[in-house]
Amino acid sequence: MTSSNVHVIKRGELKRFIQDQQKSASLIFSQVDIQAIYNQLLPQMQISKAMKKKHIRTIQLRYGKH
């Protein structure tokens, strides 16, 4: 899901997404910045499959996408 100001991406695509954003915009993040952001977010992405399914279901119910 993507809109002009909101990007919902899969956790495995995070690093590539940030790198793609860097390429398409003026210099915002250095490689060191990208790695630091990734390293900070990585622990938050370590969830069980059950929690991931619950999260997806909650979003589907909230926004009517079944």
Protein backbone atom coordinates (compact mmCIF):
# COMPACT_ATOMS: atom_id res chain seq x y z
CA MET A 1 0.00 0.00 0.00
CA THR A 2 1.40 3.37 -0.96
CA SER A 3 0.00 6.87 -1.08
CA SER A 4 1.71 10.24 -1.43
CA ASN A 5 2.63 10.41 2.25
CA VAL A 6 2.15 6.87 3.61
CA HIS A 7 4.10 3.78 2.66
CA VAL A 8 3.22 0.34 4.01
CA ILE A 9 5.90 -2.13 3.11
CA LYS A 10 6.97 -5.59 4.16
CA ARG A 11 9.76 -5.69 6.70
CA GLY A 12 12.09 -7.52 4.35
CA GLU A 13 11.75 -4.66 1.87
CA LEU A 14 12.64 -1.87 4.33
CA LYS A 15 16.31 -1.46 3.54
CA ARG A 16 15.71 -1.50 -0.21
CA PHE A 17 12.83 0.99 0.17
CA ILE A 18 15.06 3.44 2.02
CA GLN A 19 17.79 3.03 -0.56
CA ASP A 20 15.30 3.59 -3.40
CA GLN A 21 14.03 6.73 -1.68
CA GLN A 22 17.58 7.95 -1.43
CA LYS A 23 18.16 7.44 -5.15
CA SER A 24 14.98 9.24 -6.18
CA ALA A 25 15.45 12.30 -3.96
CA SER A 26 18.20 14.74 -3.26
CA LEU A 27 20.75 13.47 -0.80
CA ILE A 28 18.84 12.93 2.43
CA PHE A 29 20.42 9.82 3.90
CA SER A 30 23.97 8.61 3.67
CA GLN A 31 24.71 4.88 3.62
CA VAL A 32 25.67 5.22 7.29
CA ASP A 33 22.30 6.88 8.01
CA ILE A 34 20.43 4.14 6.17
CA GLN A 35 22.25 1.43 8.09
CA ALA A 36 21.64 3.22 11.41
CA ILE A 37 17.90 3.57 10.68
CA TYR A 38 17.71 -0.06 9.60
CA ASN A 39 19.54 -1.18 12.74
CA GLN A 40 17.13 0.78 14.94
CA LEU A 41 14.05 -0.63 13.21
CA LEU A 42 15.25 -4.22 12.91
CA PRO A 43 14.49 -5.24 16.53
CA GLN A 44 10.95 -3.89 16.14
CA MET A 45 10.43 -6.15 13.14
CA GLN A 46 11.24 -9.37 14.97
CA ILE A 47 7.71 -10.61 15.59
CA SER A 48 6.13 -14.02 15.48
CA LYS A 49 4.04 -15.18 12.55
CA ALA A 50 1.01 -15.24 14.86
CA MET A 51 1.50 -11.58 15.80
CA LYS A 52 1.99 -10.68 12.14
CA LYS A 53 -1.26 -12.44 11.19
CA LYS A 54 -3.09 -10.68 14.04
CA HIS A 55 -1.77 -7.31 12.89
CA ILE A 56 -2.80 -7.94 9.29
CA ARG A 57 -6.26 -9.05 10.38
CA THR A 58 -6.67 -5.93 12.54
CA ILE A 59 -5.78 -3.71 9.57
CA GLN A 60 -8.13 -5.63 7.30
CA LEU A 61 -11.01 -5.27 9.75
CA ARG A 62 -10.29 -1.58 10.34
CA TYR A 63 -10.13 -0.71 6.65
CA GLY A 64 -12.60 -3.23 5.26
CA LYS A 65 -10.15 -5.26 3.18
CA HIS A 66 -11.05 -8.93 3.62
